[in-house]
């Protein structure tokens, strides 16, 4: 898991996967593969990149 990754409520992450820095995983997404590109928004079932904004607007 990279730095500054936001995981939405109900999201499921399965297996040995890697998520790059500054990504956002959408609510109820099912992630079963790795995402190596930084700053992406990942969502859907199965998960895919849906946006290039990542968690740019989310402050920790």
Protein backbone atom coordinates (compact mmCIF):
# COMPACT_ATOMS: atom_id res chain seq x y z
CA UNK A 1 0.00 0.00 0.00
CA UNK A 2 1.45 3.34 -1.04
CA UNK A 3 1.42 6.58 0.93
CA UNK A 4 -1.66 8.79 1.17
CA UNK A 5 -4.10 6.15 -0.16
CA UNK A 6 -7.77 6.68 0.65
CA UNK A 7 -9.99 3.57 0.81
CA UNK A 8 -13.73 4.14 0.60
CA UNK A 9 -16.22 2.44 2.91
CA UNK A 10 -17.09 -1.12 1.91
CA UNK A 11 -14.17 -1.51 -0.51
CA UNK A 12 -12.70 -5.01 -0.69
CA UNK A 13 -9.02 -5.60 -1.43
CA UNK A 14 -8.08 -9.22 -2.19
CA UNK A 15 -4.78 -10.97 -2.61
CA UNK A 16 -1.22 -9.77 -2.84
CA UNK A 17 -1.72 -6.39 -4.50
CA UNK A 18 0.07 -3.05 -4.71
CA UNK A 19 -1.64 0.36 -4.74
CA UNK A 20 0.50 3.36 -5.74
CA UNK A 21 0.83 6.62 -3.77
CA UNK A 22 -1.97 9.21 -3.74
CA UNK A 23 -4.68 6.88 -5.06
CA UNK A 24 -8.32 6.83 -4.01
CA UNK A 25 -10.31 3.59 -3.96
CA UNK A 26 -14.03 4.12 -4.41
CA UNK A 27 -16.78 2.97 -2.11
CA UNK A 28 -17.67 -0.73 -2.57
CA UNK A 29 -14.89 -1.28 -5.13
CA UNK A 30 -13.51 -4.80 -5.47
CA UNK A 31 -9.75 -4.60 -6.02
CA UNK A 32 -8.11 -7.88 -7.05
CA UNK A 33 -5.11 -6.59 -9.04
CA UNK A 34 -2.29 -4.09 -8.53
CA UNK A 35 -2.35 -0.46 -9.65
CA UNK A 36 1.14 1.01 -10.13
CA UNK A 37 0.24 4.49 -11.48
CA UNK A 38 0.30 7.26 -8.87
CA UNK A 39 -2.63 9.60 -8.26
CA UNK A 40 -5.46 7.57 -9.80
CA UNK A 41 -9.04 7.02 -8.72
CA UNK A 42 -9.92 3.34 -8.72
CA UNK A 43 -13.50 2.07 -8.59
CA UNK A 44 -16.01 -0.48 -9.92
CA UNK A 45 -16.40 -4.26 -9.74
CA UNK A 46 -13.82 -5.43 -10.69
CA UNK A 47 -11.76 -2.32 -10.01
CA UNK A 48 -10.38 -0.17 -12.83
CA UNK A 49 -8.99 3.35 -13.17
CA UNK A 50 -11.86 5.78 -13.62
CA UNK A 51 -10.08 9.12 -13.12
CA UNK A 52 -6.67 10.76 -12.94
CA UNK A 53 -7.49 12.89 -9.88
CA UNK A 54 -6.74 10.32 -7.15
CA UNK A 55 -7.15 11.74 -3.67
CA UNK A 56 -5.97 15.23 -4.67
CA UNK A 57 -8.91 16.86 -2.85
CA UNK A 58 -8.81 14.65 0.24
CA UNK A 59 -6.81 16.09 3.14
CA UNK A 60 -5.46 13.81 5.88
